[in-house]
Amino acid sequence: MKEDVKLVVIIVTAIATLFRSGLGENSVFADRYKIHSLTMVLLIYISLVDLFYSRINKKWIFMAVMIMITGSMYLVSYIEGKQKLGFSKNILVWRMNQWLDQNYNLMADPFQNQANAIMTRALTSGLYNLPYQLINIPDKKYSPSIVPPDLCNRESKKPFESEFNIIAIGPKLSPFLVRIEGMIYGQESVLSGKPEPIHVILSSNKGMYIFTAHSQEHLKKSIHYRQAMTNNGLLALIPFNKLEDNVYRIGLCYKDGAVFTNHLIIKQNHQFKHVVK
């Protein structure tokens, strides 16, 4: 009776393993099935040893072989899993860097809009900080600083409406990058293939910095996108470590007209602070 029960266990386990894997080796060793497959193999080994060698004094030999085989299978799974984990990490880091520069491509397809909103709000609220050690922004990706005397030196006669968010990247006490992403609303669309450039102004009592923002290709992914309006996207990557200590008022310059906002960036002793008055 005991042997019959063991034989049934072996048959049921073997059938379950085969059908769970779809009769394919690749499915058996798929990441989501490895633990189940190896556990079932282990149960089969134990049942076979107990069924056929329970009366043999040297059954420990078969137990040792079982442990070696199972350990080898787990080792193969570990090596393969470690390689896949490293590959996934590289993809995740690459996508994070691309999101900083393009506001797109978080690892959340097809829910990019929701993922973008969650990431932006988590960073702006301080609930989450990006692992800055893994951030790699080439110098050419930073927003270029320009110094023409006649650019953005007058306020716009028709103030435009805008929204944007500000994220500091780097150590909490001394970030190296400030990311400004947002929209200008209500302006007429540019018919040519090249959109009108948008400049970000940092104005202080000692002068001003002017940075040319990138235009956004994926406008609808932004949390500032508005339906039934013309959206002109901007994304500026500003090298915070190159700014002098001061209090800067943020302004946006579009079509040579500047509009200053109630957002202030404060740099003091390499520390960053964002204030809204």
Protein backbone atom coordinates (compact mmCIF):
# COMPACT_ATOMS: atom_id res chain seq x y z
CA MET A 1 0.00 0.00 0.00
CA LYS A 2 2.80 2.37 0.96
CA GLU A 3 4.62 1.65 -2.31
CA ASP A 4 1.45 2.29 -4.31
CA VAL A 5 0.99 5.70 -2.70
CA LYS A 6 4.60 6.62 -3.46
CA LEU A 7 4.22 5.48 -7.04
CA VAL A 8 1.11 7.64 -7.44
CA VAL A 9 3.01 10.64 -6.03
CA ILE A 10 5.82 10.09 -8.54
CA ILE A 11 3.42 9.78 -11.49
CA VAL A 12 1.33 12.81 -10.48
CA THR A 13 4.45 14.95 -9.88
CA ALA A 14 5.97 13.90 -13.21
CA ILE A 15 2.73 14.64 -15.11
CA ALA A 16 2.36 18.01 -13.37
CA THR A 17 5.95 18.91 -14.22
CA LEU A 18 5.53 17.96 -17.88
CA PHE A 19 2.26 19.77 -18.42
CA ARG A 20 3.37 22.80 -16.39
CA SER A 21 6.36 23.12 -18.67
CA GLY A 22 4.34 22.62 -21.84
CA LEU A 23 6.61 19.67 -22.68
CA GLY A 24 9.40 22.11 -23.44
CA GLU A 25 12.83 22.41 -21.82
CA ASN A 26 12.84 26.20 -22.18
CA SER A 27 9.59 26.46 -20.25
CA VAL A 28 10.81 24.19 -17.46
CA PHE A 29 13.75 26.48 -16.80
CA ALA A 30 11.92 29.75 -17.35
CA ASP A 31 12.47 32.13 -14.43
CA ARG A 32 8.91 31.89 -13.15
CA TYR A 33 8.95 28.05 -13.17
CA LYS A 34 12.45 27.23 -11.91
CA ILE A 35 11.56 26.91 -8.24
CA HIS A 36 8.50 24.76 -9.00
CA SER A 37 10.38 22.57 -11.47
CA LEU A 38 13.39 21.99 -9.21
CA THR A 39 11.15 21.28 -6.22
CA MET A 40 9.22 18.68 -8.20
CA VAL A 41 12.44 17.09 -9.44
CA LEU A 42 13.64 16.91 -5.83
CA LEU A 43 10.37 15.23 -4.77
CA ILE A 44 10.72 12.68 -7.55
CA TYR A 45 14.29 11.85 -6.44
CA ILE A 46 13.26 11.44 -2.82
CA SER A 47 10.31 9.27 -3.75
CA LEU A 48 12.41 7.05 -6.03
CA VAL A 49 15.11 6.56 -3.41
CA ASP A 50 12.59 5.76 -0.69
CA LEU A 51 10.57 3.47 -2.99
CA PHE A 52 13.33 1.33 -4.49
CA TYR A 53 16.20 1.63 -2.03
CA SER A 54 14.53 1.79 1.38
CA ARG A 55 15.87 -1.65 2.29
CA ILE A 56 19.40 -1.05 1.03
CA ASN A 57 21.99 0.02 3.59
CA LYS A 58 23.82 2.17 1.04
CA LYS A 59 20.89 4.31 0.06
CA TRP A 60 22.83 7.33 1.38
CA ILE A 61 24.85 7.10 -1.85
CA PHE A 62 21.73 7.83 -3.86
CA MET A 63 20.81 10.62 -1.46
CA ALA A 64 24.25 12.17 -1.94
CA VAL A 65 23.90 11.94 -5.72
CA MET A 66 20.46 13.53 -5.47
CA ILE A 67 21.86 16.44 -3.45
CA MET A 68 24.73 16.93 -5.91
CA ILE A 69 22.43 16.94 -8.93
CA THR A 70 19.94 19.28 -7.30
CA GLY A 71 22.74 21.59 -6.12
CA SER A 72 24.18 21.67 -9.64
CA MET A 73 20.80 22.58 -11.10
CA TYR A 74 20.40 25.39 -8.59
CA LEU A 75 23.92 26.63 -9.39
CA VAL A 76 23.14 26.74 -13.11
CA SER A 77 19.92 28.63 -12.33
CA TYR A 78 21.81 31.08 -10.09
CA ILE A 79 24.47 31.85 -12.73
CA GLU A 80 21.84 32.34 -15.42
CA GLY A 81 19.67 34.45 -13.09
CA LYS A 82 22.62 36.64 -12.12
CA GLN A 83 23.38 37.34 -15.79
CA LYS A 84 19.76 38.22 -16.48
CA LEU A 85 19.66 40.44 -13.41
CA GLY A 86 22.74 42.32 -14.62
CA PHE A 87 21.19 42.76 -18.06
CA SER A 88 17.92 44.00 -16.55
CA LYS A 89 19.85 46.46 -14.37
CA ASN A 90 21.65 47.89 -17.41
CA ILE A 91 18.33 48.31 -19.25
CA LEU A 92 16.77 49.97 -16.21
CA VAL A 93 19.69 52.41 -15.83
CA TRP A 94 19.66 53.22 -19.56
CA ARG A 95 15.91 53.93 -19.46
CA MET A 96 16.28 56.09 -16.36
CA ASN A 97 18.92 58.23 -18.06
CA GLN A 98 16.76 58.48 -21.17
CA TRP A 99 13.78 59.56 -19.05
CA LEU A 100 15.83 62.38 -17.55
CA ASP A 101 16.67 63.65 -21.02
CA GLN A 102 13.41 62.89 -22.88
CA ASN A 103 10.73 62.53 -20.18
CA TYR A 104 9.93 59.15 -21.70
CA ASN A 105 10.87 55.46 -21.75
CA LEU A 106 10.39 54.37 -18.16
CA MET A 107 10.22 50.58 -17.78
CA ALA A 108 6.42 50.52 -17.60
CA ASP A 109 5.04 49.81 -21.09
CA PRO A 110 2.22 50.29 -21.95
CA PHE A 111 1.56 52.53 -18.92
CA GLN A 112 4.08 55.26 -19.67
CA ASN A 113 1.71 58.09 -18.74
CA GLN A 114 0.93 56.69 -15.29
CA ALA A 115 4.57 55.76 -14.63
CA ASN A 116 5.76 59.21 -15.69
CA ALA A 117 3.24 60.91 -13.40
CA ILE A 118 4.18 58.70 -10.42
CA MET A 119 7.91 59.20 -10.95
CA THR A 120 7.62 62.97 -11.37
CA ARG A 121 5.44 63.47 -8.29
CA ALA A 122 7.60 61.17 -6.17
CA LEU A 123 10.74 63.11 -7.08
CA THR A 124 9.25 66.60 -6.73
CA SER A 125 7.72 65.74 -3.36
CA GLY A 126 10.96 64.26 -2.02
CA LEU A 127 9.46 60.83 -1.43
CA TYR A 128 12.04 59.27 -3.74
CA ASN A 129 15.55 60.17 -4.88
CA LEU A 130 17.14 58.77 -8.01
CA PRO A 131 20.31 56.71 -7.51
CA TYR A 132 22.56 59.49 -8.76
CA GLN A 133 25.61 57.18 -8.84
CA LEU A 134 24.05 55.46 -11.87
CA ILE A 135 23.17 58.66 -13.74
CA ASN A 136 25.26 59.35 -16.80
CA ILE A 137 24.34 62.52 -18.66
CA PRO A 138 26.86 63.40 -21.40
CA ASP A 139 27.93 67.04 -21.58
CA LYS A 140 26.16 67.48 -24.92
CA LYS A 141 22.84 66.55 -23.28
CA TYR A 142 22.99 69.48 -20.86
CA SER A 143 21.09 72.57 -21.90
CA PRO A 144 23.58 74.99 -23.49
CA SER A 145 24.11 78.35 -21.83
CA ILE A 146 23.88 81.39 -24.10
CA VAL A 147 24.92 85.01 -23.49
CA PRO A 148 23.62 87.24 -26.31
CA PRO A 149 22.87 90.71 -24.88
CA ASP A 150 19.67 91.24 -26.85
CA LEU A 151 17.97 87.88 -26.13
CA CYS A 152 15.21 87.65 -23.54
CA ASN A 153 15.98 91.14 -22.22
CA ARG A 154 12.35 92.28 -22.27
CA GLU A 155 9.21 90.89 -20.73
CA SER A 156 6.53 89.53 -23.02
CA LYS A 157 3.75 91.97 -23.94
CA LYS A 158 1.30 89.05 -23.92
CA PRO A 159 2.26 86.93 -20.90
CA PHE A 160 1.83 83.25 -21.68
CA GLU A 161 0.60 80.59 -19.29
CA SER A 162 3.01 77.88 -18.26
CA GLU A 163 3.56 75.02 -15.82
CA PHE A 164 6.71 73.14 -14.94
CA ASN A 165 8.31 70.98 -12.29
CA ILE A 166 11.80 71.17 -10.83
CA ILE A 167 13.85 68.13 -9.79
CA ALA A 168 17.32 68.21 -8.23
CA ILE A 169 19.55 65.24 -9.09
CA GLY A 170 22.54 64.22 -7.00
CA PRO A 171 23.46 64.08 -3.31
CA LYS A 172 20.75 65.65 -1.19
CA LEU A 173 23.04 68.36 0.17
CA SER A 174 24.92 69.01 -3.05
CA PRO A 175 23.10 68.10 -6.30
CA PHE A 176 24.91 68.42 -9.61
CA LEU A 177 21.90 68.68 -11.93
CA VAL A 178 18.60 70.57 -11.92
CA ARG A 179 15.92 69.30 -14.30
CA ILE A 180 13.11 71.64 -15.34
CA GLU A 181 10.29 70.06 -17.36
CA GLY A 182 6.98 71.63 -18.36
CA MET A 183 4.74 73.29 -20.90
CA ILE A 184 3.92 76.69 -22.36
CA TYR A 185 0.24 76.94 -23.30
CA GLY A 186 -1.81 78.89 -25.75
CA GLN A 187 0.83 79.78 -28.29
CA GLU A 188 0.20 79.18 -31.97
CA SER A 189 1.74 76.06 -33.41
CA VAL A 190 4.80 76.48 -35.52
CA LEU A 191 4.10 75.24 -39.04
CA SER A 192 7.71 74.53 -39.93
CA GLY A 193 9.37 71.29 -38.90
CA LYS A 194 11.52 73.00 -36.27
CA PRO A 195 9.70 74.32 -33.19
CA GLU A 196 10.40 77.74 -31.74
CA PRO A 197 13.12 77.39 -29.04
CA ILE A 198 12.26 77.96 -25.39
CA HIS A 199 14.84 79.40 -23.00
CA VAL A 200 15.00 79.02 -19.23
CA ILE A 201 16.17 82.15 -17.39
CA LEU A 202 17.79 82.15 -13.97
CA SER A 203 17.83 85.77 -12.87
CA SER A 204 19.65 87.12 -9.81
CA ASN A 205 20.85 90.46 -8.47
CA LYS A 206 24.20 89.82 -10.13
CA GLY A 207 22.90 89.01 -13.60
CA MET A 208 21.29 86.05 -15.30
CA TYR A 209 21.91 82.67 -16.84
CA ILE A 210 20.00 81.70 -20.00
CA PHE A 211 19.72 78.05 -21.01
CA THR A 212 18.17 76.67 -24.18
CA ALA A 213 15.67 73.95 -23.30
CA HIS A 214 15.09 70.81 -25.33
CA SER A 215 11.75 70.49 -27.07
CA GLN A 216 9.71 67.50 -25.97
CA GLU A 217 8.89 64.82 -28.51
CA HIS A 218 6.44 62.95 -26.27
CA LEU A 219 4.24 65.81 -25.11
CA LYS A 220 1.35 63.66 -23.92
CA LYS A 221 3.58 61.83 -21.45
CA SER A 222 4.11 64.99 -19.41
CA ILE A 223 2.01 65.59 -16.30
CA HIS A 224 1.59 69.17 -17.54
CA TYR A 225 -0.02 68.24 -20.85
CA ARG A 226 -3.48 69.76 -21.34
CA GLN A 227 -6.13 68.55 -23.72
CA ALA A 228 -7.72 71.00 -26.17
CA MET A 229 -4.80 73.41 -25.87
CA THR A 230 -1.60 74.04 -27.75
CA ASN A 231 1.25 72.53 -25.74
CA ASN A 232 4.85 73.63 -26.27
CA GLY A 233 7.04 71.32 -24.26
CA LEU A 234 10.34 72.22 -22.61
CA LEU A 235 12.96 70.19 -20.78
CA ALA A 236 16.12 71.78 -19.46
CA LEU A 237 19.06 70.03 -17.81
CA ILE A 238 20.98 72.69 -15.91
CA PRO A 239 24.45 72.00 -14.42
CA PHE A 240 23.74 73.18 -10.88
CA ASN A 241 27.35 72.75 -9.78
CA LYS A 242 28.41 75.45 -12.28
CA LEU A 243 26.06 78.12 -10.90
CA GLU A 244 27.33 80.70 -8.45
CA ASP A 245 25.81 80.93 -4.97
CA ASN A 246 22.77 83.19 -5.21
CA VAL A 247 18.98 83.37 -5.26
CA TYR A 248 17.63 82.86 -8.78
CA ARG A 249 14.17 83.69 -10.03
CA ILE A 250 13.05 81.37 -12.82
CA GLY A 251 11.70 82.80 -16.04
CA LEU A 252 10.76 81.38 -19.43
CA CYS A 253 11.59 83.07 -22.71
CA TYR A 254 9.56 82.26 -25.82
CA LYS A 255 9.64 84.17 -29.10
CA ASP A 256 12.00 86.73 -27.53
CA GLY A 257 9.49 87.58 -24.79
CA ALA A 258 10.25 86.67 -21.17
CA VAL A 259 7.79 85.78 -18.40
CA PHE A 260 9.10 85.46 -14.86
CA THR A 261 7.45 83.08 -12.41
CA ASN A 262 7.16 82.88 -8.62
CA HIS A 263 9.62 79.95 -8.50
CA LEU A 264 13.00 80.57 -6.88
CA ILE A 265 16.12 78.40 -6.89
CA ILE A 266 18.54 79.04 -4.06
CA LYS A 267 22.16 77.91 -4.13
CA GLN A 268 24.13 78.41 -0.95
CA ASN A 269 27.25 76.50 0.03
CA HIS A 270 26.57 74.04 -2.82
CA GLN A 271 23.14 73.25 -1.36
CA PHE A 272 19.90 73.39 -3.37
CA LYS A 273 16.55 74.74 -2.35
CA HIS A 274 13.40 75.31 -4.39
CA VAL A 275 10.95 77.92 -3.09
CA VAL A 276 7.58 79.01 -4.49
CA LYS A 277 6.44 82.48 -3.40
